[in-house]
Amino acid sequence: MHTLDVMHAIEYLWKAGACLYNEGSQELADWVEELKGFLYAGRTLKLVNELARRLDSLPTRGSVNLSRRKRLDRIIGYLATRRHMMHYDRLRREDYEIASGIVEGAVKHVIAKRFDNGSMRWIRERAEALLQLRCIEVNGSWEPFVDFVQDQLENGARVQQGPPRILTNVSLPLPQVGLAG
């Protein structure tokens, strides 16, 4: 389900408010809070209609007013065309994330800490294998994973009558490497 990050939508509310109120004013903060209530309640049509009503109330003369009207009109168009992506009330009821900060933080913690060093270069297959190992570690499942691998190797050694051996001395992508007895 494609969803517009709620924080991104709220940024647009602040930009819209800047067309109507003085920066840093309590009026601006109160107005944005009111519109955030519409967002979280799933009342996006009411939100867009409120923005359109405020656009209609802006004077049509003067370069500053024309600039504000143009910015506010663009914001209304942006939000109106993405209403289908802003069902925050339903998403919250179903316990979905409506902001990407948690995901971005997880990516930074899981991936960037291990993969994003200046001198590192990665081949996709090896990076994916390492990422799977990193997820096992981060989830606290390293010991059960090691036990599982040990069991698999022991079971394979019983069948093969000896320790596993790599079939090639040439570096291949991981999915193509095989074990033989």
N, C-alpha and C. Protein backbone atom coordinates (compact mmCIF):
# COMPACT_ATOMS: atom_id res chain seq x y z
N MET A 1 0.85 -1.17 0.00
CA MET A 1 0.00 0.00 0.00
C MET A 1 0.90 1.24 0.00
N HIS A 2 0.78 2.04 -1.03
CA HIS A 2 1.57 3.27 -1.10
C HIS A 2 0.96 4.31 -0.17
N THR A 3 1.80 4.87 0.66
CA THR A 3 1.36 5.86 1.64
C THR A 3 2.31 7.04 1.60
N LEU A 4 1.74 8.22 1.68
CA LEU A 4 2.55 9.43 1.79
C LEU A 4 2.98 9.54 3.24
N ASP A 5 4.27 9.62 3.47
CA ASP A 5 4.81 9.76 4.82
C ASP A 5 4.10 10.92 5.50
N VAL A 6 3.53 10.68 6.67
CA VAL A 6 2.75 11.71 7.36
C VAL A 6 3.60 12.94 7.67
N MET A 7 4.89 12.73 7.95
CA MET A 7 5.75 13.88 8.25
C MET A 7 5.92 14.76 6.99
N HIS A 8 5.94 14.13 5.85
CA HIS A 8 6.03 14.86 4.59
C HIS A 8 4.77 15.69 4.38
N ALA A 9 3.61 15.08 4.66
CA ALA A 9 2.34 15.82 4.53
C ALA A 9 2.31 17.00 5.50
N ILE A 10 2.80 16.79 6.70
CA ILE A 10 2.81 17.87 7.70
C ILE A 10 3.74 19.00 7.27
N GLU A 11 4.85 18.66 6.63
CA GLU A 11 5.74 19.71 6.10
C GLU A 11 4.97 20.61 5.14
N TYR A 12 4.12 20.00 4.32
CA TYR A 12 3.33 20.79 3.37
C TYR A 12 2.32 21.67 4.11
N LEU A 13 1.81 21.20 5.23
CA LEU A 13 0.90 22.04 6.01
C LEU A 13 1.62 23.27 6.54
N TRP A 14 2.84 23.10 7.00
CA TRP A 14 3.63 24.24 7.47
C TRP A 14 3.91 25.21 6.33
N LYS A 15 4.22 24.67 5.16
CA LYS A 15 4.46 25.54 4.00
C LYS A 15 3.20 26.31 3.63
N ALA A 16 2.06 25.63 3.69
CA ALA A 16 0.79 26.30 3.41
C ALA A 16 0.53 27.39 4.45
N GLY A 17 0.77 27.06 5.70
CA GLY A 17 0.56 28.03 6.77
C GLY A 17 1.44 29.26 6.64
N ALA A 18 2.65 29.07 6.09
CA ALA A 18 3.57 30.19 5.90
C ALA A 18 3.02 31.17 4.85
N CYS A 19 2.10 30.70 4.01
CA CYS A 19 1.46 31.59 3.04
C CYS A 19 0.38 32.44 3.71
N LEU A 20 -0.05 32.05 4.91
CA LEU A 20 -1.19 32.69 5.56
C LEU A 20 -0.83 33.42 6.86
N TYR A 21 0.17 32.94 7.56
CA TYR A 21 0.51 33.47 8.89
C TYR A 21 1.99 33.81 8.96
N ASN A 22 2.34 34.61 9.95
CA ASN A 22 3.74 34.96 10.17
C ASN A 22 4.52 33.77 10.70
N GLU A 23 5.72 33.60 10.20
CA GLU A 23 6.61 32.53 10.63
C GLU A 23 6.82 32.61 12.14
N GLY A 24 6.68 31.47 12.81
CA GLY A 24 6.91 31.40 14.25
C GLY A 24 5.74 31.87 15.11
N SER A 25 4.66 32.29 14.50
CA SER A 25 3.52 32.80 15.27
C SER A 25 2.71 31.66 15.88
N GLN A 26 2.03 31.97 16.98
CA GLN A 26 1.16 30.99 17.61
C GLN A 26 -0.03 30.66 16.71
N GLU A 27 -0.48 31.64 15.95
CA GLU A 27 -1.58 31.41 14.99
C GLU A 27 -1.21 30.31 13.99
N LEU A 28 0.02 30.40 13.49
CA LEU A 28 0.49 29.40 12.53
C LEU A 28 0.52 28.02 13.18
N ALA A 29 1.10 27.93 14.37
CA ALA A 29 1.20 26.64 15.06
C ALA A 29 -0.19 26.06 15.34
N ASP A 30 -1.12 26.90 15.79
CA ASP A 30 -2.47 26.43 16.09
C ASP A 30 -3.18 25.94 14.83
N TRP A 31 -3.00 26.67 13.73
CA TRP A 31 -3.64 26.30 12.47
C TRP A 31 -3.11 24.96 11.97
N VAL A 32 -1.79 24.79 12.03
CA VAL A 32 -1.19 23.53 11.59
C VAL A 32 -1.69 22.38 12.47
N GLU A 33 -1.79 22.60 13.76
CA GLU A 33 -2.30 21.56 14.67
C GLU A 33 -3.72 21.16 14.29
N GLU A 34 -4.54 22.13 13.95
CA GLU A 34 -5.92 21.85 13.54
C GLU A 34 -5.93 20.98 12.28
N LEU A 35 -5.09 21.33 11.31
CA LEU A 35 -5.05 20.55 10.06
C LEU A 35 -4.43 19.17 10.26
N LYS A 36 -3.48 19.07 11.19
CA LYS A 36 -2.93 17.75 11.52
C LYS A 36 -4.03 16.85 12.07
N GLY A 37 -4.95 17.44 12.82
CA GLY A 37 -6.08 16.67 13.32
C GLY A 37 -6.90 16.09 12.18
N PHE A 38 -7.09 16.87 11.12
CA PHE A 38 -7.80 16.36 9.94
C PHE A 38 -7.03 15.19 9.31
N LEU A 39 -5.71 15.36 9.20
CA LEU A 39 -4.88 14.29 8.62
C LEU A 39 -5.03 12.99 9.40
N TYR A 40 -4.81 13.07 10.71
CA TYR A 40 -4.83 11.86 11.54
C TYR A 40 -6.23 11.25 11.61
N ALA A 41 -7.25 12.05 11.43
CA ALA A 41 -8.63 11.54 11.46
C ALA A 41 -9.07 11.00 10.11
N GLY A 42 -8.23 11.10 9.08
CA GLY A 42 -8.59 10.62 7.75
C GLY A 42 -9.53 11.55 7.02
N ARG A 43 -9.59 12.79 7.43
CA ARG A 43 -10.50 13.76 6.82
C ARG A 43 -9.73 14.63 5.82
N THR A 44 -9.14 13.98 4.84
CA THR A 44 -8.28 14.69 3.88
C THR A 44 -9.07 15.59 2.95
N LEU A 45 -10.30 15.22 2.63
CA LEU A 45 -11.12 16.09 1.79
C LEU A 45 -11.40 17.40 2.53
N LYS A 46 -11.72 17.31 3.80
CA LYS A 46 -11.95 18.52 4.61
C LYS A 46 -10.67 19.36 4.67
N LEU A 47 -9.53 18.71 4.79
CA LEU A 47 -8.24 19.41 4.82
C LEU A 47 -8.02 20.17 3.51
N VAL A 48 -8.19 19.50 2.39
CA VAL A 48 -7.99 20.13 1.08
C VAL A 48 -8.99 21.26 0.88
N ASN A 49 -10.23 21.05 1.30
CA ASN A 49 -11.25 22.10 1.18
C ASN A 49 -10.89 23.31 2.05
N GLU A 50 -10.35 23.07 3.22
CA GLU A 50 -9.92 24.19 4.09
C GLU A 50 -8.79 24.98 3.43
N LEU A 51 -7.86 24.27 2.83
CA LEU A 51 -6.77 24.96 2.13
C LEU A 51 -7.32 25.77 0.95
N ALA A 52 -8.26 25.21 0.21
CA ALA A 52 -8.86 25.92 -0.93
C ALA A 52 -9.63 27.15 -0.44
N ARG A 53 -10.33 27.00 0.67
CA ARG A 53 -11.06 28.14 1.24
C ARG A 53 -10.09 29.26 1.62
N ARG A 54 -8.97 28.87 2.20
CA ARG A 54 -7.98 29.88 2.59
C ARG A 54 -7.34 30.52 1.35
N LEU A 55 -7.15 29.74 0.30
CA LEU A 55 -6.63 30.30 -0.95
C LEU A 55 -7.59 31.35 -1.49
N ASP A 56 -8.89 31.04 -1.48
CA ASP A 56 -9.90 31.98 -1.97
C ASP A 56 -9.93 33.27 -1.15
N SER A 57 -9.53 33.18 0.11
CA SER A 57 -9.57 34.38 0.97
C SER A 57 -8.35 35.27 0.81
N LEU A 58 -7.31 34.77 0.14
CA LEU A 58 -6.12 35.59 -0.06
C LEU A 58 -6.39 36.66 -1.12
N PRO A 59 -5.91 37.88 -0.90
CA PRO A 59 -6.08 38.94 -1.90
C PRO A 59 -5.44 38.55 -3.23
N THR A 60 -6.00 39.03 -4.31
CA THR A 60 -5.50 38.69 -5.65
C THR A 60 -4.59 39.76 -6.23
N ARG A 61 -4.35 40.82 -5.50
CA ARG A 61 -3.49 41.90 -5.99
C ARG A 61 -2.21 41.96 -5.18
N GLY A 62 -1.17 42.39 -5.84
CA GLY A 62 0.14 42.55 -5.20
C GLY A 62 1.02 41.33 -5.45
N SER A 63 2.30 41.59 -5.66
CA SER A 63 3.22 40.51 -6.02
C SER A 63 3.41 39.51 -4.87
N VAL A 64 3.40 40.00 -3.63
CA VAL A 64 3.56 39.09 -2.49
C VAL A 64 2.35 38.16 -2.40
N ASN A 65 1.16 38.73 -2.55
CA ASN A 65 -0.06 37.91 -2.49
C ASN A 65 -0.13 36.93 -3.65
N LEU A 66 0.27 37.36 -4.84
CA LEU A 66 0.26 36.45 -5.99
C LEU A 66 1.23 35.29 -5.77
N SER A 67 2.39 35.60 -5.18
CA SER A 67 3.37 34.55 -4.88
C SER A 67 2.82 33.58 -3.85
N ARG A 68 2.18 34.08 -2.82
CA ARG A 68 1.57 33.22 -1.79
C ARG A 68 0.46 32.35 -2.39
N ARG A 69 -0.36 32.96 -3.23
CA ARG A 69 -1.45 32.22 -3.87
C ARG A 69 -0.90 31.08 -4.73
N LYS A 70 0.15 31.39 -5.47
CA LYS A 70 0.74 30.39 -6.35
C LYS A 70 1.30 29.22 -5.53
N ARG A 71 2.03 29.52 -4.43
CA ARG A 71 2.58 28.47 -3.58
C ARG A 71 1.47 27.64 -2.94
N LEU A 72 0.46 28.32 -2.43
CA LEU A 72 -0.64 27.61 -1.78
C LEU A 72 -1.41 26.75 -2.79
N ASP A 73 -1.59 27.23 -3.99
CA ASP A 73 -2.26 26.46 -5.03
C ASP A 73 -1.47 25.20 -5.37
N ARG A 74 -0.15 25.31 -5.45
CA ARG A 74 0.70 24.13 -5.71
C ARG A 74 0.58 23.12 -4.57
N ILE A 75 0.56 23.61 -3.34
CA ILE A 75 0.44 22.72 -2.18
C ILE A 75 -0.90 21.99 -2.21
N ILE A 76 -1.96 22.73 -2.52
CA ILE A 76 -3.29 22.11 -2.60
C ILE A 76 -3.30 21.03 -3.68
N GLY A 77 -2.74 21.33 -4.83
CA GLY A 77 -2.67 20.34 -5.90
C GLY A 77 -1.89 19.11 -5.50
N TYR A 78 -0.78 19.32 -4.82
CA TYR A 78 0.05 18.20 -4.38
C TYR A 78 -0.72 17.30 -3.42
N LEU A 79 -1.32 17.89 -2.40
CA LEU A 79 -2.05 17.11 -1.40
C LEU A 79 -3.32 16.49 -1.98
N ALA A 80 -4.03 17.23 -2.82
CA ALA A 80 -5.29 16.73 -3.39
C ALA A 80 -5.05 15.49 -4.24
N THR A 81 -3.97 15.48 -5.01
CA THR A 81 -3.70 14.32 -5.87
C THR A 81 -3.16 13.12 -5.08
N ARG A 82 -2.83 13.32 -3.82
CA ARG A 82 -2.30 12.23 -3.00
C ARG A 82 -3.23 11.84 -1.85
N ARG A 83 -4.47 12.30 -1.92
CA ARG A 83 -5.43 11.96 -0.87
C ARG A 83 -5.57 10.45 -0.69
N HIS A 84 -5.50 9.72 -1.79
CA HIS A 84 -5.63 8.26 -1.72
C HIS A 84 -4.46 7.61 -0.99
N MET A 85 -3.41 8.37 -0.72
CA MET A 85 -2.24 7.86 -0.03
C MET A 85 -2.18 8.33 1.43
N MET A 86 -3.24 8.94 1.91
CA MET A 86 -3.22 9.53 3.25
C MET A 86 -4.35 9.00 4.14
N HIS A 87 -4.51 7.70 4.18
CA HIS A 87 -5.54 7.09 5.03
C HIS A 87 -4.94 6.80 6.42
N TYR A 88 -4.47 7.85 7.07
CA TYR A 88 -3.73 7.68 8.32
C TYR A 88 -4.61 7.13 9.44
N ASP A 89 -5.88 7.46 9.45
CA ASP A 89 -6.77 6.93 10.48
C ASP A 89 -6.85 5.40 10.39
N ARG A 90 -7.06 4.89 9.22
CA ARG A 90 -7.16 3.44 9.02
C ARG A 90 -5.82 2.77 9.28
N LEU A 91 -4.75 3.37 8.77
CA LEU A 91 -3.42 2.79 8.94
C LEU A 91 -3.05 2.71 10.42
N ARG A 92 -3.39 3.74 11.18
CA ARG A 92 -3.10 3.72 12.62
C ARG A 92 -3.95 2.67 13.34
N ARG A 93 -5.22 2.54 12.95
CA ARG A 93 -6.08 1.52 13.56
C ARG A 93 -5.53 0.12 13.30
N GLU A 94 -4.96 -0.08 12.12
CA GLU A 94 -4.39 -1.38 11.75
C GLU A 94 -2.93 -1.52 12.19
N ASP A 95 -2.45 -0.54 12.95
CA ASP A 95 -1.11 -0.55 13.54
C ASP A 95 0.02 -0.55 12.52
N TYR A 96 -0.20 0.17 11.41
CA TYR A 96 0.86 0.35 10.43
C TYR A 96 1.64 1.62 10.76
N GLU A 97 2.87 1.67 10.29
CA GLU A 97 3.68 2.87 10.42
C GLU A 97 3.22 3.88 9.38
N ILE A 98 3.09 5.13 9.77
CA ILE A 98 2.67 6.16 8.82
C ILE A 98 3.78 7.16 8.55
N ALA A 99 4.93 6.93 9.19
CA ALA A 99 6.10 7.78 8.94
C ALA A 99 7.29 6.86 8.69
N SER A 100 8.22 7.31 7.89
CA SER A 100 9.32 6.44 7.48
C SER A 100 10.54 6.54 8.39
N GLY A 101 10.48 7.36 9.41
CA GLY A 101 11.63 7.53 10.30
C GLY A 101 12.11 6.24 10.92
N ILE A 102 11.17 5.39 11.33
CA ILE A 102 11.53 4.12 11.95
C ILE A 102 12.26 3.23 10.96
N VAL A 103 11.75 3.18 9.73
CA VAL A 103 12.37 2.36 8.69
C VAL A 103 13.76 2.91 8.35
N GLU A 104 13.85 4.22 8.21
CA GLU A 104 15.15 4.82 7.89
C GLU A 104 16.16 4.56 8.99
N GLY A 105 15.70 4.62 10.24
CA GLY A 105 16.58 4.32 11.36
C GLY A 105 17.04 2.87 11.35
N ALA A 106 16.13 1.96 11.03
CA ALA A 106 16.47 0.54 10.96
C ALA A 106 17.48 0.29 9.84
N VAL A 107 17.27 0.92 8.70
CA VAL A 107 18.21 0.76 7.59
C VAL A 107 19.59 1.25 8.01
N LYS A 108 19.63 2.38 8.67
CA LYS A 108 20.93 2.91 9.12
C LYS A 108 21.57 1.95 10.11
N HIS A 109 20.78 1.44 11.05
CA HIS A 109 21.33 0.55 12.07
C HIS A 109 21.75 -0.79 11.50
N VAL A 110 20.92 -1.37 10.66
CA VAL A 110 21.19 -2.73 10.17
C VAL A 110 22.18 -2.71 9.01
N ILE A 111 21.98 -1.82 8.07
CA ILE A 111 22.77 -1.87 6.84
C ILE A 111 23.98 -0.94 6.88
N ALA A 112 23.74 0.33 7.12
CA ALA A 112 24.82 1.31 6.97
C ALA A 112 25.98 1.06 7.92
N LYS A 113 25.69 0.59 9.13
CA LYS A 113 26.78 0.35 10.08
C LYS A 113 27.75 -0.71 9.57
N ARG A 114 27.27 -1.63 8.79
CA ARG A 114 28.13 -2.71 8.30
C ARG A 114 28.63 -2.50 6.88
N PHE A 115 27.82 -1.89 6.04
CA PHE A 115 28.14 -1.84 4.61
C PHE A 115 28.70 -0.51 4.14
N ASP A 116 28.48 0.54 4.87
CA ASP A 116 28.78 1.88 4.37
C ASP A 116 30.10 2.41 4.92
N ASN A 117 31.18 1.78 4.52
CA ASN A 117 32.51 2.28 4.87
C ASN A 117 33.23 2.63 3.57
N GLY A 118 34.02 3.67 3.60
CA GLY A 118 34.62 4.23 2.39
C GLY A 118 35.36 3.26 1.50
N SER A 119 36.10 2.33 2.08
CA SER A 119 36.94 1.46 1.25
C SER A 119 36.24 0.17 0.84
N MET A 120 35.00 -0.02 1.25
CA MET A 120 34.31 -1.27 0.94
C MET A 120 33.65 -1.23 -0.43
N ARG A 121 33.71 -2.36 -1.12
CA ARG A 121 33.00 -2.55 -2.38
C ARG A 121 32.27 -3.87 -2.25
N TRP A 122 31.05 -3.91 -2.77
CA TRP A 122 30.23 -5.09 -2.57
C TRP A 122 29.70 -5.63 -3.89
N ILE A 123 29.71 -6.95 -4.02
CA ILE A 123 29.03 -7.65 -5.09
C ILE A 123 27.66 -8.00 -4.54
N ARG A 124 26.63 -7.81 -5.32
CA ARG A 124 25.26 -7.95 -4.83
C ARG A 124 25.02 -9.26 -4.07
N GLU A 125 25.42 -10.40 -4.63
CA GLU A 125 25.14 -11.69 -4.00
C GLU A 125 25.82 -11.80 -2.63
N ARG A 126 27.03 -11.32 -2.54
CA ARG A 126 27.74 -11.39 -1.26
C ARG A 126 27.19 -10.39 -0.27
N ALA A 127 26.81 -9.23 -0.75
CA ALA A 127 26.22 -8.23 0.14
C ALA A 127 24.90 -8.75 0.69
N GLU A 128 24.10 -9.41 -0.14
CA GLU A 128 22.82 -9.93 0.33
C GLU A 128 23.03 -11.01 1.38
N ALA A 129 24.00 -11.88 1.17
CA ALA A 129 24.30 -12.92 2.15
C ALA A 129 24.75 -12.30 3.47
N LEU A 130 25.60 -11.30 3.39
CA LEU A 130 26.07 -10.62 4.60
C LEU A 130 24.94 -9.87 5.29
N LEU A 131 24.03 -9.29 4.51
CA LEU A 131 22.89 -8.60 5.08
C LEU A 131 22.00 -9.59 5.84
N GLN A 132 21.81 -10.77 5.30
CA GLN A 132 21.01 -11.77 6.02
C GLN A 132 21.67 -12.14 7.35
N LEU A 133 22.98 -12.28 7.33
CA LEU A 133 23.70 -12.57 8.57
C LEU A 133 23.59 -11.40 9.56
N ARG A 134 23.65 -10.19 9.04
CA ARG A 134 23.52 -9.00 9.90
C ARG A 134 22.13 -8.96 10.54
N CYS A 135 21.10 -9.29 9.79
CA CYS A 135 19.73 -9.31 10.35
C CYS A 135 19.61 -10.38 11.43
N ILE A 136 20.22 -11.53 11.21
CA ILE A 136 20.21 -12.58 12.23
C ILE A 136 20.86 -12.07 13.50
N GLU A 137 21.99 -11.37 13.35
CA GLU A 137 22.70 -10.83 14.52
C GLU A 137 21.88 -9.77 15.24
N VAL A 138 21.33 -8.80 14.49
CA VAL A 138 20.57 -7.70 15.08
C VAL A 138 19.33 -8.22 15.80
N ASN A 139 18.71 -9.27 15.27
CA ASN A 139 17.51 -9.83 15.88
C ASN A 139 17.81 -10.71 17.09
N GLY A 140 19.08 -10.84 17.43
CA GLY A 140 19.44 -11.65 18.59
C GLY A 140 19.32 -13.14 18.36
N SER A 141 19.41 -13.55 17.11
CA SER A 141 19.24 -14.97 16.78
C SER A 141 20.54 -15.63 16.34
N TRP A 142 21.68 -15.06 16.72
CA TRP A 142 22.95 -15.59 16.24
C TRP A 142 23.21 -17.00 16.76
N GLU A 143 23.03 -17.22 18.06
CA GLU A 143 23.29 -18.54 18.63
C GLU A 143 22.39 -19.61 18.03
N PRO A 144 21.06 -19.38 17.95
CA PRO A 144 20.23 -20.41 17.30
C PRO A 144 20.63 -20.66 15.84
N PHE A 145 21.07 -19.60 15.15
CA PHE A 145 21.50 -19.76 13.76
C PHE A 145 22.76 -20.63 13.69
N VAL A 146 23.72 -20.36 14.57
CA VAL A 146 24.95 -21.15 14.59
C VAL A 146 24.63 -22.61 14.90
N ASP A 147 23.73 -22.83 15.87
CA ASP A 147 23.32 -24.21 16.19
C ASP A 147 22.68 -24.88 14.98
N PHE A 148 21.82 -24.16 14.26
CA PHE A 148 21.16 -24.70 13.07
C PHE A 148 22.21 -25.08 12.01
N VAL A 149 23.15 -24.18 11.75
CA VAL A 149 24.18 -24.46 10.74
C VAL A 149 25.01 -25.66 11.16
N GLN A 150 25.37 -25.72 12.44
CA GLN A 150 26.17 -26.85 12.93
C GLN A 150 25.41 -28.16 12.74
N ASP A 151 24.10 -28.15 13.06
CA ASP A 151 23.29 -29.35 12.87
C ASP A 151 23.25 -29.75 11.40
N GLN A 152 23.07 -28.77 10.51
CA GLN A 152 23.02 -29.07 9.08
C GLN A 152 24.34 -29.65 8.59
N LEU A 153 25.45 -29.09 9.06
CA LEU A 153 26.76 -29.59 8.64
C LEU A 153 27.00 -31.00 9.17
N GLU A 154 26.60 -31.24 10.42
CA GLU A 154 26.77 -32.58 10.98
C GLU A 154 25.91 -33.59 10.24
N ASN A 155 24.67 -33.24 9.94
CA ASN A 155 23.80 -34.14 9.18
C ASN A 155 24.36 -34.40 7.79
N GLY A 156 24.87 -33.37 7.15
CA GLY A 156 25.47 -33.53 5.83
C GLY A 156 26.73 -34.36 5.87
N ALA A 157 27.54 -34.22 6.92
CA ALA A 157 28.78 -34.98 7.04
C ALA A 157 28.49 -36.46 7.23
N ARG A 158 27.41 -36.78 7.96
CA ARG A 158 27.05 -38.19 8.14
C ARG A 158 26.70 -38.82 6.80
N VAL A 159 25.97 -38.08 5.97
CA VAL A 159 25.58 -38.58 4.66
C VAL A 159 26.78 -38.66 3.74
N GLN A 160 27.66 -37.67 3.80
CA GLN A 160 28.79 -37.59 2.86
C GLN A 160 30.01 -38.38 3.32
N GLN A 161 30.02 -38.84 4.56
CA GLN A 161 31.16 -39.54 5.12
C GLN A 161 32.41 -38.67 5.13
N GLY A 162 32.33 -37.50 5.68
CA GLY A 162 33.49 -36.63 5.80
C GLY A 162 33.07 -35.18 5.87
N PRO A 163 34.04 -34.34 6.10
CA PRO A 163 33.70 -32.91 6.22
C PRO A 163 33.33 -32.32 4.86
N PRO A 164 32.54 -31.26 4.87
CA PRO A 164 32.18 -30.64 3.58
C PRO A 164 33.40 -29.99 2.93
N ARG A 165 33.36 -29.91 1.62
CA ARG A 165 34.49 -29.34 0.90
C ARG A 165 33.93 -28.48 -0.24
N ILE A 166 34.53 -27.34 -0.47
CA ILE A 166 34.13 -26.44 -1.55
C ILE A 166 34.58 -27.07 -2.88
N LEU A 167 33.72 -27.06 -3.87
CA LEU A 167 34.01 -27.71 -5.15
C LEU A 167 34.93 -26.91 -6.05
N THR A 168 35.16 -25.66 -5.76
CA THR A 168 35.95 -24.83 -6.67
C THR A 168 36.92 -23.96 -5.88
N ASN A 169 38.02 -23.60 -6.53
CA ASN A 169 38.94 -22.65 -5.91
C ASN A 169 38.83 -21.28 -6.57
N VAL A 170 37.82 -21.12 -7.45
CA VAL A 170 37.55 -19.86 -8.12
C VAL A 170 36.39 -19.18 -7.42
N SER A 171 36.55 -17.91 -7.12
CA SER A 171 35.50 -17.18 -6.44
C SER A 171 34.28 -17.03 -7.34
N LEU A 172 33.13 -17.55 -6.90
CA LEU A 172 31.89 -17.48 -7.65
C LEU A 172 30.84 -16.76 -6.81
N PRO A 173 29.80 -16.25 -7.45
CA PRO A 173 28.69 -15.69 -6.64
C PRO A 173 28.16 -16.76 -5.71
N LEU A 174 27.79 -16.37 -4.52
CA LEU A 174 27.39 -17.32 -3.48
C LEU A 174 26.34 -18.33 -3.90
N PRO A 175 25.31 -17.93 -4.62
CA PRO A 175 24.29 -18.94 -4.96
C PRO A 175 24.82 -20.09 -5.81
N GLN A 176 25.99 -19.94 -6.45
CA GLN A 176 26.51 -20.99 -7.34
C GLN A 176 27.55 -21.86 -6.67
N VAL A 177 27.93 -21.56 -5.45
CA VAL A 177 28.93 -22.37 -4.75
C VAL A 177 28.23 -23.60 -4.19
N GLY A 178 28.83 -24.76 -4.37
CA GLY A 178 28.21 -25.99 -3.89
C GLY A 178 29.13 -26.71 -2.92
N LEU A 179 28.56 -27.60 -2.11
CA LEU A 179 29.33 -28.40 -1.19
C LEU A 179 29.31 -29.84 -1.68
N ALA A 180 30.41 -30.55 -1.49
CA ALA A 180 30.47 -31.95 -1.90
C ALA A 180 31.24 -32.75 -0.87
N GLY A 181 31.03 -34.05 -0.84
CA GLY A 181 31.69 -34.93 0.11
C GLY A 181 32.94 -35.52 -0.45
